[in-house]
């Protein structure tokens, strides 16, 4: 966990006080809604279909048990008893009244939580791998670098009014768990031939109306140059990004128009002017940030202890363990994923009671630490293997031990037309019906790793472009239809999905997903061949033929 200092606390207190005054002026009529809009967006407040929505940042996806309890408190006191975890390692509260927003923000600020830069044309919440610091395959903890970037860009006067929003992600493993290549800027730590750690720099990724996979513009950036290089990228974007057309304002359009190679050359030219300036990082600055991350004092434990072996006799525990428990870098410990995708329920939602219980479990079994992943699930990153049987019982009792992680019912979905004023179609009910259709455990397991992503509009908050099966809600003559794509993925080999064919009506979309699943089972060469690999081998046509044969 990162330990915040007095400066951080003072900043949040002052920000809440400022926003309280702005809300008072809006409520009195001194500010119109149009005048208030830019002020509320700076604090993560949106106006949705039914109410104001408050989006809270969870920097690099790390929460303390204290912070989780505070989120539960806000959900219970100011909202309707739950919150929604998003693909950007944020949490959203959908029903807070405007008059109560300053009090809710003050309560959150006391726990080091805020909504700054979770909206608006600025650098958004810095995200990373939800296994950061505990993953056995990482070079080092990428959260240190995410925190350095967070401190630099928060309220940065030059980059608070960019042409459009700007999203940064950081990873430090060969296997990408942070969806790096769909970000505006991404850093992947690796080592050069001399064994020195540095970053591959990728720019121009993003989904939405015009999706692109990020292009590598620098293969190896020394760690001392992280801030200066990011500064150069942002300066170039701020100067040349389109401000005349909101649909062409993202950096991905600028990179596409210039070409990745040319854009990289222009960034390098700008970087040469600042690379040796005050933003160049020396070892003391990096060490200072690193020392403010508090790591557990791990016990010396053996892998596969007797308690774990004995528990495998319980079929339900064994199924959950095989699905939701992953290897930890420290022997005798494990990483546990908590599914926020119970069969037939909204994806990514977590009740206040569940949050409180998860905080209690984290205190007892995971060194008071919780993580949020971009797949809209939670993680306990520090669980002793001997405690896994008790952890399973505790998680199962509150409904977050569904053994469907990475299966077809582990669906990424935006709020869609149920909440969002931008949406064209519902996403939540579609996700619920798909999960119910594939509720039978053996069927879901037989489909192996299969990611379904659903968006209620072209803005692609549900990341449908990079789902193995992607579903996009569209409106036709006042009715809900859904375009389906297949073959997308968001890992280190990220690619956009291929459109299957004409959009299908709401009543047919779940049947279409079932058709795709049946086609996959018939087409795969062996039981362990993944859906994405079958698609790569046979292409889109056999799947298309199956889906549209009777339509």
Protein backbone atom coordinates (compact mmCIF):
# COMPACT_ATOMS: atom_id res chain seq x y z
CA UNK A 1 0.00 0.00 0.00
CA UNK A 2 1.14 3.57 -0.74
CA UNK A 3 1.29 5.78 2.35
CA UNK A 4 -0.16 9.25 1.69
CA UNK A 5 1.36 12.27 3.40
CA UNK A 6 0.05 15.57 4.76
CA UNK A 7 0.32 17.24 1.36
CA UNK A 8 -2.09 14.69 -0.15
CA UNK A 9 -4.57 15.13 2.70
CA UNK A 10 -4.45 18.92 2.52
CA UNK A 11 -5.02 18.88 -1.25
CA UNK A 12 -8.13 16.73 -0.90
CA UNK A 13 -9.54 18.81 1.95
CA UNK A 14 -9.13 22.02 -0.03
CA UNK A 15 -10.63 20.44 -3.12
CA UNK A 16 -13.76 19.37 -1.20
CA UNK A 17 -14.15 22.85 0.27
CA UNK A 18 -13.92 24.41 -3.19
CA UNK A 19 -16.49 22.01 -4.63
CA UNK A 20 -18.85 22.61 -1.70
CA UNK A 21 -18.97 26.26 -2.65
CA UNK A 22 -19.59 25.42 -6.31
CA UNK A 23 -22.50 23.12 -5.41
CA UNK A 24 -24.02 25.80 -3.18
CA UNK A 25 -23.91 28.25 -6.09
CA UNK A 26 -25.55 25.71 -8.39
CA UNK A 27 -28.31 24.94 -5.89
CA UNK A 28 -29.01 28.63 -5.36
CA UNK A 29 -29.29 29.22 -9.10
CA UNK A 30 -26.21 31.41 -9.24
CA UNK A 31 -24.70 28.86 -11.65
CA UNK A 32 -26.63 27.29 -14.52
CA UNK A 33 -26.17 23.60 -15.30
CA UNK A 34 -24.03 24.53 -18.30
CA UNK A 35 -21.80 26.74 -16.13
CA UNK A 36 -21.61 24.05 -13.45
CA UNK A 37 -20.76 21.26 -15.90
CA UNK A 38 -17.03 21.93 -16.27
CA UNK A 39 -16.66 22.37 -12.50
CA UNK A 40 -18.38 19.11 -11.58
CA UNK A 41 -16.52 17.15 -14.26
CA UNK A 42 -13.22 18.18 -12.68
CA UNK A 43 -14.40 16.32 -9.58
CA UNK A 44 -15.74 13.21 -11.28
CA UNK A 45 -19.43 14.15 -11.27
CA UNK A 46 -21.58 13.28 -14.30
CA UNK A 47 -25.24 13.92 -15.00
CA UNK A 48 -26.71 10.58 -16.04
CA UNK A 49 -30.23 9.55 -17.09
CA UNK A 50 -31.73 9.57 -13.61
CA UNK A 51 -29.31 11.35 -11.27
CA UNK A 52 -25.80 12.65 -10.81
CA UNK A 53 -23.11 9.97 -10.88
CA UNK A 54 -19.93 10.23 -8.79
CA UNK A 55 -16.83 8.45 -10.09
CA UNK A 56 -14.03 7.80 -7.61
CA UNK A 57 -10.46 7.00 -8.64
CA UNK A 58 -8.68 3.95 -7.27
CA UNK A 59 -5.10 4.75 -8.37
CA UNK A 60 -3.45 1.70 -9.93
CA UNK A 61 -6.31 -0.37 -8.52
CA UNK A 62 -5.09 -0.56 -4.92
CA UNK A 63 -7.45 -0.17 -1.95
CA UNK A 64 -6.88 -0.53 1.77
CA UNK A 65 -9.48 -2.19 3.96
CA UNK A 66 -10.11 1.24 5.53
CA UNK A 67 -10.83 2.71 2.09
CA UNK A 68 -13.12 -0.17 1.17
CA UNK A 69 -15.15 0.42 4.34
CA UNK A 70 -15.39 4.09 3.44
CA UNK A 71 -16.75 3.19 0.01
CA UNK A 72 -19.31 1.00 1.77
CA UNK A 73 -20.23 3.90 4.04
CA UNK A 74 -20.80 6.23 1.07
CA UNK A 75 -22.86 3.59 -0.76
CA UNK A 76 -25.02 3.08 2.30
CA UNK A 77 -25.42 6.68 3.47
CA UNK A 78 -25.62 8.62 0.21
CA UNK A 79 -26.49 6.09 -2.52
CA UNK A 80 -28.70 3.00 -2.79
CA UNK A 81 -26.43 0.59 -0.96
CA UNK A 82 -24.03 -0.42 -3.72
CA UNK A 83 -21.30 0.80 -6.05
CA UNK A 84 -20.20 -0.21 -9.55
CA UNK A 85 -16.54 -1.06 -10.27
CA UNK A 86 -15.44 -0.06 -13.77
CA UNK A 87 -12.87 -1.10 -16.38
CA UNK A 88 -10.74 1.93 -15.40
CA UNK A 89 -10.11 0.83 -11.79
CA UNK A 90 -12.72 3.33 -10.60
CA UNK A 91 -15.93 2.94 -8.64
CA UNK A 92 -19.15 4.75 -9.57
CA UNK A 93 -22.08 5.74 -7.38
CA UNK A 94 -25.15 6.30 -9.53
CA UNK A 95 -27.74 7.83 -7.22
CA UNK A 96 -26.13 10.49 -5.00
CA UNK A 97 -28.14 13.72 -4.67
CA UNK A 98 -26.34 16.90 -5.69
CA UNK A 99 -26.81 18.51 -2.28
CA UNK A 100 -25.12 15.54 -0.62
CA UNK A 101 -22.15 15.29 -2.97
CA UNK A 102 -19.82 17.56 -0.94
CA UNK A 103 -20.48 15.57 2.24
CA UNK A 104 -19.87 12.29 0.40
CA UNK A 105 -16.64 13.68 -1.05
CA UNK A 106 -15.52 14.88 2.39
CA UNK A 107 -16.08 11.41 3.84
CA UNK A 108 -14.11 9.88 0.98
CA UNK A 109 -11.30 12.43 1.31
CA UNK A 110 -10.82 11.42 4.95
CA UNK A 111 -9.79 8.00 3.63
CA UNK A 112 -7.60 9.39 0.82
CA UNK A 113 -10.19 8.89 -1.93
CA UNK A 114 -11.37 11.43 -4.51
CA UNK A 115 -12.90 11.95 -7.94
CA UNK A 116 -10.32 14.36 -9.35
CA UNK A 117 -9.44 13.68 -12.97
CA UNK A 118 -11.85 10.78 -13.34
CA UNK A 119 -13.58 12.87 -15.99
CA UNK A 120 -12.86 15.85 -18.20
CA UNK A 121 -10.19 16.45 -20.85
CA UNK A 122 -7.25 15.63 -18.63
CA UNK A 123 -5.03 12.69 -17.72
CA UNK A 124 -7.37 10.16 -16.11
CA UNK A 125 -6.73 7.63 -13.34
CA UNK A 126 -3.41 5.83 -13.89
CA UNK A 127 -4.05 2.09 -14.16
CA UNK A 128 -1.92 -1.02 -13.95
CA UNK A 129 -1.94 -4.76 -13.41
CA UNK A 130 -4.18 -5.77 -10.50
CA UNK A 131 -1.49 -8.29 -9.52
CA UNK A 132 1.21 -5.60 -9.34
CA UNK A 133 3.76 -6.26 -6.62
CA UNK A 134 2.75 -9.92 -6.19
CA UNK A 135 2.87 -11.34 -9.74
CA UNK A 136 5.62 -13.94 -10.12
CA UNK A 137 6.33 -12.88 -13.71
CA UNK A 138 6.87 -9.13 -13.17
CA UNK A 139 10.23 -7.36 -13.30
CA UNK A 140 9.29 -5.02 -10.47
CA UNK A 141 6.21 -3.37 -8.97
CA UNK A 142 4.74 -1.10 -11.68
CA UNK A 143 2.70 0.83 -9.10
CA UNK A 144 5.82 2.80 -8.18
CA UNK A 145 5.93 4.19 -11.70
CA UNK A 146 2.17 4.69 -11.81
CA UNK A 147 2.43 6.75 -8.62
CA UNK A 148 5.25 8.86 -10.02
CA UNK A 149 3.12 9.62 -13.05
CA UNK A 150 0.02 10.26 -10.92
CA UNK A 151 1.85 12.85 -8.84
CA UNK A 152 3.18 14.60 -11.92
CA UNK A 153 -0.07 14.87 -13.88
CA UNK A 154 -2.54 15.57 -11.05
CA UNK A 155 -3.75 19.16 -11.53
CA UNK A 156 -0.90 19.76 -14.01
CA UNK A 157 -1.70 23.27 -15.32
CA UNK A 158 -0.55 22.53 -18.87
CA UNK A 159 -2.45 19.25 -19.22
CA UNK A 160 -5.74 19.93 -17.43
CA UNK A 161 -7.48 21.05 -20.65
CA UNK A 162 -6.28 18.66 -23.34
CA UNK A 163 -8.12 18.20 -26.64
CA UNK A 164 -9.76 15.13 -25.11
CA UNK A 165 -9.38 12.68 -22.22
CA UNK A 166 -6.06 10.87 -21.91
CA UNK A 167 -5.54 7.43 -20.36
CA UNK A 168 -2.21 5.97 -19.21
CA UNK A 169 -1.46 2.39 -18.14
CA UNK A 170 1.72 0.78 -16.83
CA UNK A 171 2.78 -2.87 -16.82
CA UNK A 172 5.91 -4.79 -15.83
CA UNK A 173 5.24 -8.33 -17.08
CA UNK A 174 5.50 -10.02 -20.44
CA UNK A 175 1.89 -11.10 -20.02
CA UNK A 176 -0.32 -8.02 -20.16
CA UNK A 177 -3.02 -7.93 -17.48
CA UNK A 178 -3.62 -4.17 -17.82
CA UNK A 179 -4.88 -3.94 -21.42
CA UNK A 180 -1.94 -1.69 -22.27
CA UNK A 181 -2.47 -1.45 -26.01
CA UNK A 182 -5.93 0.06 -25.83
CA UNK A 183 -4.66 3.12 -23.91
CA UNK A 184 -3.65 6.54 -25.17
CA UNK A 185 -0.20 5.94 -23.71
CA UNK A 186 1.18 2.76 -22.18
CA UNK A 187 4.49 1.77 -20.64
CA UNK A 188 5.64 -1.85 -20.53
CA UNK A 189 8.72 -2.49 -18.41
CA UNK A 190 11.29 -4.92 -19.79
CA UNK A 191 15.08 -5.32 -19.78
CA UNK A 192 17.56 -4.52 -22.51
CA UNK A 193 20.55 -6.59 -23.52
CA UNK A 194 22.60 -5.11 -20.68
CA UNK A 195 20.03 -6.19 -18.12
CA UNK A 196 18.82 -2.64 -17.46
CA UNK A 197 15.13 -2.02 -16.80
CA UNK A 198 13.31 0.40 -19.06
CA UNK A 199 10.01 0.86 -20.85
CA UNK A 200 8.51 0.11 -24.22
CA UNK A 201 6.37 3.17 -25.01
CA UNK A 202 3.08 2.63 -26.85
CA UNK A 203 0.87 5.51 -28.00
CA UNK A 204 -2.43 5.96 -29.79
CA UNK A 205 -4.55 3.09 -28.54
CA UNK A 206 -8.22 3.48 -27.76
CA UNK A 207 -11.63 2.08 -28.57
CA UNK A 208 -14.86 4.03 -29.14
CA UNK A 209 -16.06 5.23 -32.52
CA UNK A 210 -12.67 4.73 -34.20
CA UNK A 211 -10.76 1.93 -32.47
CA UNK A 212 -6.99 1.54 -32.71
CA UNK A 213 -4.36 -0.65 -31.10
CA UNK A 214 -1.49 1.47 -29.74
CA UNK A 215 1.70 1.73 -31.77
CA UNK A 216 5.16 1.33 -30.25
CA UNK A 217 7.07 4.58 -30.74
CA UNK A 218 10.05 3.74 -28.53
CA UNK A 219 11.33 0.24 -27.86
CA UNK A 220 13.41 1.11 -24.80
CA UNK A 221 13.11 4.20 -22.63
CA UNK A 222 15.47 4.40 -19.62
CA UNK A 223 13.59 4.72 -16.34
CA UNK A 224 15.13 8.14 -15.60
CA UNK A 225 13.30 9.52 -18.65
CA UNK A 226 9.74 8.41 -17.88
CA UNK A 227 8.36 11.81 -16.90
CA UNK A 228 10.22 13.79 -19.56
CA UNK A 229 9.04 11.46 -22.32
CA UNK A 230 5.43 11.51 -21.13
CA UNK A 231 5.70 15.31 -20.98
CA UNK A 232 6.90 15.36 -24.60
CA UNK A 233 4.00 13.15 -25.75
CA UNK A 234 1.44 15.29 -23.94
CA UNK A 235 2.92 18.54 -25.27
CA UNK A 236 2.73 17.28 -28.83
CA UNK A 237 -0.85 16.10 -28.34
CA UNK A 238 -1.86 19.33 -26.63
CA UNK A 239 -0.48 21.35 -29.53
CA UNK A 240 -1.67 19.31 -32.50
CA UNK A 241 -4.68 17.31 -31.25
CA UNK A 242 -7.96 18.18 -32.95
CA UNK A 243 -10.13 20.61 -30.94
CA UNK A 244 -12.58 21.34 -33.73
CA UNK A 245 -14.18 17.87 -33.80
CA UNK A 246 -14.87 15.85 -30.65
CA UNK A 247 -14.91 12.63 -32.67
CA UNK A 248 -11.37 13.23 -33.91
CA UNK A 249 -9.90 14.76 -30.77
CA UNK A 250 -8.25 11.69 -29.20
CA UNK A 251 -4.52 11.18 -29.62
CA UNK A 252 -5.19 7.95 -31.54
CA UNK A 253 -6.41 10.07 -34.48
CA UNK A 254 -3.30 12.24 -34.38
CA UNK A 255 -1.03 9.19 -34.29
CA UNK A 256 -2.98 7.53 -37.08
CA UNK A 257 -2.89 10.63 -39.29
CA UNK A 258 0.82 11.22 -38.80
CA UNK A 259 1.78 7.54 -38.69
CA UNK A 260 3.43 5.95 -35.70
CA UNK A 261 6.98 6.41 -36.99
CA UNK A 262 6.56 10.10 -37.76
CA UNK A 263 4.75 10.75 -34.49
CA UNK A 264 7.60 9.05 -32.64
CA UNK A 265 10.16 11.25 -34.41
CA UNK A 266 8.28 14.41 -33.43
CA UNK A 267 8.01 13.25 -29.82
CA UNK A 268 11.75 12.55 -29.78
CA UNK A 269 12.46 16.03 -31.15
CA UNK A 270 10.41 17.62 -28.38
CA UNK A 271 11.92 15.29 -25.80
CA UNK A 272 15.47 16.30 -26.66
CA UNK A 273 14.67 19.80 -25.40
CA UNK A 274 13.61 18.63 -21.94
CA UNK A 275 15.15 15.19 -21.31
CA UNK A 276 17.98 16.50 -19.14
CA UNK A 277 15.89 19.09 -17.31
CA UNK A 278 14.32 19.09 -13.87
CA UNK A 279 11.93 16.22 -14.66
CA UNK A 280 14.73 13.74 -15.29
CA UNK A 281 14.45 11.24 -12.44
CA UNK A 282 17.42 10.53 -10.22
CA UNK A 283 17.66 7.40 -8.11
CA UNK A 284 16.77 9.24 -4.89
CA UNK A 285 13.41 10.41 -6.25
CA UNK A 286 12.53 6.91 -7.44
CA UNK A 287 13.66 5.41 -4.14
CA UNK A 288 11.60 7.93 -2.17
CA UNK A 289 8.41 6.89 -3.96
CA UNK A 290 9.29 3.20 -3.67
CA UNK A 291 9.90 3.44 0.09
CA UNK A 292 6.41 4.90 0.57
CA UNK A 293 4.90 1.62 -0.58
CA UNK A 294 4.42 -0.60 2.43
CA UNK A 295 4.84 -4.32 1.74
CA UNK A 296 3.83 -7.20 3.98
CA UNK A 297 6.29 -8.86 6.28
CA UNK A 298 5.71 -12.28 4.76
CA UNK A 299 5.92 -15.39 6.87
CA UNK A 300 8.15 -18.23 5.69
CA UNK A 301 5.57 -20.69 4.43
CA UNK A 302 5.65 -23.77 2.25
CA UNK A 303 3.57 -24.21 -0.88
CA UNK A 304 0.65 -26.66 -0.82
CA UNK A 305 0.35 -26.94 2.99
CA UNK A 306 -1.69 -29.72 4.68
CA UNK A 307 -4.71 -27.44 5.18
CA UNK A 308 -4.90 -26.86 1.42
CA UNK A 309 -4.44 -30.52 0.54
CA UNK A 310 -7.20 -31.57 2.92
CA UNK A 311 -9.62 -28.97 1.55
CA UNK A 312 -9.30 -30.32 -2.00
CA UNK A 313 -11.61 -33.17 -0.97
CA UNK A 314 -14.45 -30.64 -1.02
CA UNK A 315 -15.55 -30.48 -4.67
CA UNK A 316 -16.87 -26.92 -4.40
CA UNK A 317 -13.63 -25.67 -2.88
CA UNK A 318 -11.54 -27.56 -5.44
CA UNK A 319 -13.51 -26.01 -8.31
CA UNK A 320 -13.15 -22.51 -6.88
CA UNK A 321 -9.45 -23.03 -6.13
CA UNK A 322 -8.73 -24.18 -9.68
CA UNK A 323 -10.60 -21.21 -11.14
CA UNK A 324 -10.02 -18.24 -8.83
CA UNK A 325 -6.65 -18.79 -7.12
CA UNK A 326 -3.36 -17.89 -8.83
CA UNK A 327 0.32 -18.27 -8.07
CA UNK A 328 2.03 -15.64 -5.89
CA UNK A 329 5.66 -14.58 -6.14
CA UNK A 330 6.12 -15.53 -2.48
CA UNK A 331 6.09 -19.22 -1.62
CA UNK A 332 3.19 -20.27 0.58
CA UNK A 333 0.97 -17.39 -0.60
CA UNK A 334 -1.67 -17.01 -3.29
CA UNK A 335 -3.58 -14.37 -5.28
CA UNK A 336 -7.36 -14.71 -4.96
CA UNK A 337 -9.80 -13.22 -7.48
CA UNK A 338 -13.27 -12.30 -6.19
CA UNK A 339 -15.90 -12.58 -8.89
CA UNK A 340 -18.30 -9.64 -9.09
CA UNK A 341 -20.16 -11.57 -11.79
CA UNK A 342 -22.70 -13.73 -9.92
CA UNK A 343 -24.93 -15.64 -12.33
CA UNK A 344 -27.91 -13.53 -13.38
CA UNK A 345 -26.79 -10.37 -11.54
CA UNK A 346 -25.36 -7.05 -12.80
CA UNK A 347 -21.64 -7.23 -13.53
CA UNK A 348 -19.20 -5.20 -11.46
CA UNK A 349 -21.68 -4.23 -8.75
CA UNK A 350 -20.77 -4.63 -5.09
CA UNK A 351 -23.10 -3.93 -2.17
CA UNK A 352 -22.14 -1.96 0.90
CA UNK A 353 -22.49 -5.09 3.04
CA UNK A 354 -20.22 -7.01 0.68
CA UNK A 355 -17.65 -4.20 0.77
CA UNK A 356 -17.60 -4.25 4.56
CA UNK A 357 -17.20 -8.02 4.65
CA UNK A 358 -14.46 -7.95 2.00
CA UNK A 359 -12.61 -5.37 4.11
CA UNK A 360 -12.92 -7.67 7.14
CA UNK A 361 -11.60 -10.61 5.12
CA UNK A 362 -8.72 -8.49 3.80
CA UNK A 363 -7.82 -7.43 7.34
CA UNK A 364 -7.74 -11.01 8.53
CA UNK A 365 -6.23 -12.80 5.54
CA UNK A 366 -4.68 -10.33 3.03
CA UNK A 367 -2.70 -7.75 5.00
CA UNK A 368 -5.63 -5.30 4.72
CA UNK A 369 -5.22 -4.93 0.96
CA UNK A 370 -7.68 -5.25 -1.94
CA UNK A 371 -7.17 -4.71 -5.65
CA UNK A 372 -9.54 -3.73 -8.48
CA UNK A 373 -8.98 -5.20 -11.95
CA UNK A 374 -10.04 -3.81 -15.31
CA UNK A 375 -12.23 -6.91 -15.77
CA UNK A 376 -14.49 -5.48 -12.99
CA UNK A 377 -13.48 -8.09 -10.40
CA UNK A 378 -11.66 -7.66 -7.09
CA UNK A 379 -8.48 -9.32 -5.82
CA UNK A 380 -7.07 -10.29 -2.44
CA UNK A 381 -3.36 -10.18 -3.30
CA UNK A 382 -1.72 -11.55 -0.16
CA UNK A 383 -3.45 -14.72 1.06
CA UNK A 384 -1.53 -17.50 2.80
CA UNK A 385 -2.30 -20.81 1.12
CA UNK A 386 -3.11 -22.38 4.50
CA UNK A 387 -5.95 -19.83 4.86
CA UNK A 388 -7.56 -20.50 1.48
CA UNK A 389 -10.24 -22.88 2.82
CA UNK A 390 -11.41 -20.27 5.34
CA UNK A 391 -11.20 -17.49 2.76
CA UNK A 392 -13.39 -19.51 0.39
CA UNK A 393 -16.04 -19.99 3.08
CA UNK A 394 -16.05 -16.28 3.89
CA UNK A 395 -16.24 -15.18 0.25
CA UNK A 396 -18.86 -17.79 -0.61
CA UNK A 397 -21.04 -16.56 2.26
CA UNK A 398 -21.25 -13.07 0.71
CA UNK A 399 -21.65 -14.17 -2.93
CA UNK A 400 -18.24 -13.31 -4.39
CA UNK A 401 -16.84 -16.82 -4.86
CA UNK A 402 -18.56 -17.74 -8.12
CA UNK A 403 -15.93 -19.90 -9.90
CA UNK A 404 -16.37 -18.22 -13.28
CA UNK A 405 -13.22 -16.09 -13.59
CA UNK A 406 -12.23 -15.87 -17.29
CA UNK A 407 -15.23 -17.96 -18.28
CA UNK A 408 -18.12 -16.94 -20.53
CA UNK A 409 -20.16 -15.49 -17.62
CA UNK A 410 -17.23 -13.33 -16.43
CA UNK A 411 -18.60 -10.56 -18.63
CA UNK A 412 -17.30 -7.00 -18.92
CA UNK A 413 -20.29 -4.70 -19.36
CA UNK A 414 -20.95 -0.98 -19.14
CA UNK A 415 -24.09 0.36 -17.34
CA UNK A 416 -25.76 0.88 -20.71
CA UNK A 417 -29.20 2.36 -21.18
CA UNK A 418 -30.23 1.52 -17.62
CA UNK A 419 -28.11 4.45 -16.39
CA UNK A 420 -26.11 6.20 -19.09
CA UNK A 421 -27.48 9.13 -21.07
CA UNK A 422 -25.15 8.29 -23.98
CA UNK A 423 -26.26 4.70 -24.41
CA UNK A 424 -28.37 3.39 -27.29
CA UNK A 425 -29.18 0.00 -25.80
CA UNK A 426 -29.14 -2.01 -22.61
CA UNK A 427 -25.99 -3.87 -21.60
CA UNK A 428 -26.72 -5.14 -18.08
CA UNK A 429 -29.78 -7.30 -18.98
CA UNK A 430 -27.90 -8.84 -21.91
CA UNK A 431 -25.00 -9.79 -19.64
CA UNK A 432 -27.42 -11.23 -17.09
CA UNK A 433 -29.19 -13.39 -19.67
CA UNK A 434 -25.92 -14.66 -21.15
CA UNK A 435 -24.67 -15.66 -17.71
CA UNK A 436 -27.93 -17.50 -17.01
CA UNK A 437 -27.81 -19.27 -20.38
CA UNK A 438 -24.35 -20.63 -19.52
CA UNK A 439 -24.93 -21.15 -15.81
CA UNK A 440 -24.31 -24.89 -15.93
CA UNK A 441 -20.73 -25.22 -14.56
CA UNK A 442 -19.58 -28.06 -16.80
CA UNK A 443 -20.78 -26.25 -19.93
CA UNK A 444 -19.02 -23.04 -18.92
CA UNK A 445 -15.84 -24.94 -18.08
CA UNK A 446 -15.91 -26.78 -21.41
CA UNK A 447 -15.76 -23.43 -23.21
CA UNK A 448 -12.40 -22.68 -21.56
CA UNK A 449 -11.20 -19.07 -21.41
CA UNK A 450 -13.83 -17.05 -23.25
CA UNK A 451 -14.25 -13.30 -22.78
CA UNK A 452 -17.56 -11.62 -23.60
CA UNK A 453 -17.55 -7.80 -23.55
CA UNK A 454 -20.69 -5.67 -23.94
CA UNK A 455 -21.09 -1.94 -24.63
CA UNK A 456 -24.36 -0.04 -24.74
CA UNK A 457 -23.04 2.50 -27.25
CA UNK A 458 -20.19 3.29 -29.62
CA UNK A 459 -18.12 4.86 -26.81
CA UNK A 460 -17.12 1.28 -25.92
CA UNK A 461 -16.90 1.57 -22.14
CA UNK A 462 -17.50 -2.20 -22.11
CA UNK A 463 -14.44 -2.80 -24.35
CA UNK A 464 -16.49 -4.75 -26.89
CA UNK A 465 -13.85 -4.30 -29.61
CA UNK A 466 -11.37 -6.49 -27.70
CA UNK A 467 -13.70 -9.19 -26.44
CA UNK A 468 -13.32 -12.71 -27.78
CA UNK A 469 -17.01 -12.09 -28.36
CA UNK A 470 -17.83 -8.39 -28.48
CA UNK A 471 -21.39 -7.04 -28.36
CA UNK A 472 -22.29 -3.44 -29.24
CA UNK A 473 -25.75 -2.05 -28.65
CA UNK A 474 -27.13 0.15 -31.44
CA UNK A 475 -30.50 1.77 -32.06
CA UNK A 476 -32.55 1.12 -35.19
CA UNK A 477 -35.87 2.91 -35.59
CA UNK A 478 -36.29 3.14 -31.84
CA UNK A 479 -35.46 -0.54 -31.21
CA UNK A 480 -32.40 -2.14 -29.62
CA UNK A 481 -30.11 -4.13 -31.92
CA UNK A 482 -26.65 -5.56 -31.27
CA UNK A 483 -23.63 -5.82 -33.52
CA UNK A 484 -21.44 -8.82 -32.75
CA UNK A 485 -17.71 -9.12 -33.37
CA UNK A 486 -15.36 -12.00 -32.62
CA UNK A 487 -11.61 -12.48 -32.29
CA UNK A 488 -10.69 -9.43 -30.23
CA UNK A 489 -8.30 -9.55 -27.29
CA UNK A 490 -6.62 -7.07 -24.97
CA UNK A 491 -3.47 -8.89 -23.87
CA UNK A 492 0.14 -8.53 -25.10
CA UNK A 493 -1.06 -9.64 -28.56
CA UNK A 494 -3.99 -7.23 -28.56
CA UNK A 495 -6.19 -7.06 -31.63
CA UNK A 496 -9.59 -5.71 -32.59
CA UNK A 497 -12.46 -8.09 -33.24
CA UNK A 498 -13.93 -8.81 -36.66
CA UNK A 499 -17.54 -7.83 -37.29
CA UNK A 500 -19.65 -10.96 -37.70
CA UNK A 501 -22.47 -9.57 -39.81
CA UNK A 502 -25.73 -7.61 -39.55
CA UNK A 503 -26.91 -6.52 -36.10
CA UNK A 504 -29.37 -8.84 -34.37
CA UNK A 505 -32.40 -7.70 -32.34
CA UNK A 506 -32.43 -7.73 -28.54
CA UNK A 507 -34.44 -10.95 -28.38
CA UNK A 508 -31.86 -12.81 -30.51
CA UNK A 509 -28.55 -11.68 -29.06
CA UNK A 510 -28.23 -14.36 -26.38
CA UNK A 511 -29.17 -17.05 -28.92
CA UNK A 512 -26.43 -15.69 -31.19
CA UNK A 513 -23.84 -16.04 -28.41
CA UNK A 514 -25.01 -19.61 -27.86
CA UNK A 515 -24.63 -20.27 -31.59
CA UNK A 516 -21.05 -18.96 -31.41
CA UNK A 517 -20.29 -21.20 -28.44
CA UNK A 518 -21.70 -24.24 -30.23
CA UNK A 519 -19.74 -23.41 -33.37
CA UNK A 520 -16.55 -23.18 -31.31
CA UNK A 521 -17.16 -26.57 -29.68
CA UNK A 522 -17.69 -28.11 -33.13
CA UNK A 523 -14.74 -26.38 -34.81
CA UNK A 524 -11.97 -26.71 -32.24
CA UNK A 525 -9.33 -29.35 -32.91
CA UNK A 526 -8.85 -30.38 -29.28
CA UNK A 527 -10.58 -29.69 -25.95
CA UNK A 528 -7.94 -27.23 -24.76
CA UNK A 529 -7.93 -25.10 -27.94
CA UNK A 530 -9.22 -21.66 -26.90
CA UNK A 531 -12.03 -19.85 -28.71
CA UNK A 532 -9.60 -17.12 -29.79
CA UNK A 533 -7.22 -19.73 -31.27
CA UNK A 534 -10.00 -21.53 -33.10
CA UNK A 535 -11.05 -18.20 -34.62
CA UNK A 536 -7.45 -17.48 -35.63
CA UNK A 537 -7.25 -20.87 -37.36
CA UNK A 538 -10.59 -20.97 -39.19
CA UNK A 539 -11.52 -17.30 -39.57
CA UNK A 540 -14.89 -15.62 -39.23
CA UNK A 541 -16.93 -17.41 -41.91
CA UNK A 542 -17.75 -20.68 -40.09
CA UNK A 543 -18.98 -18.70 -37.08
CA UNK A 544 -20.95 -16.33 -39.29
CA UNK A 545 -22.60 -19.21 -41.10
CA UNK A 546 -23.71 -20.77 -37.81
CA UNK A 547 -25.18 -17.55 -36.38
CA UNK A 548 -27.06 -16.44 -39.51
CA UNK A 549 -28.15 -19.85 -40.79
CA UNK A 550 -31.69 -19.43 -39.46
CA UNK A 551 -31.87 -15.62 -39.33
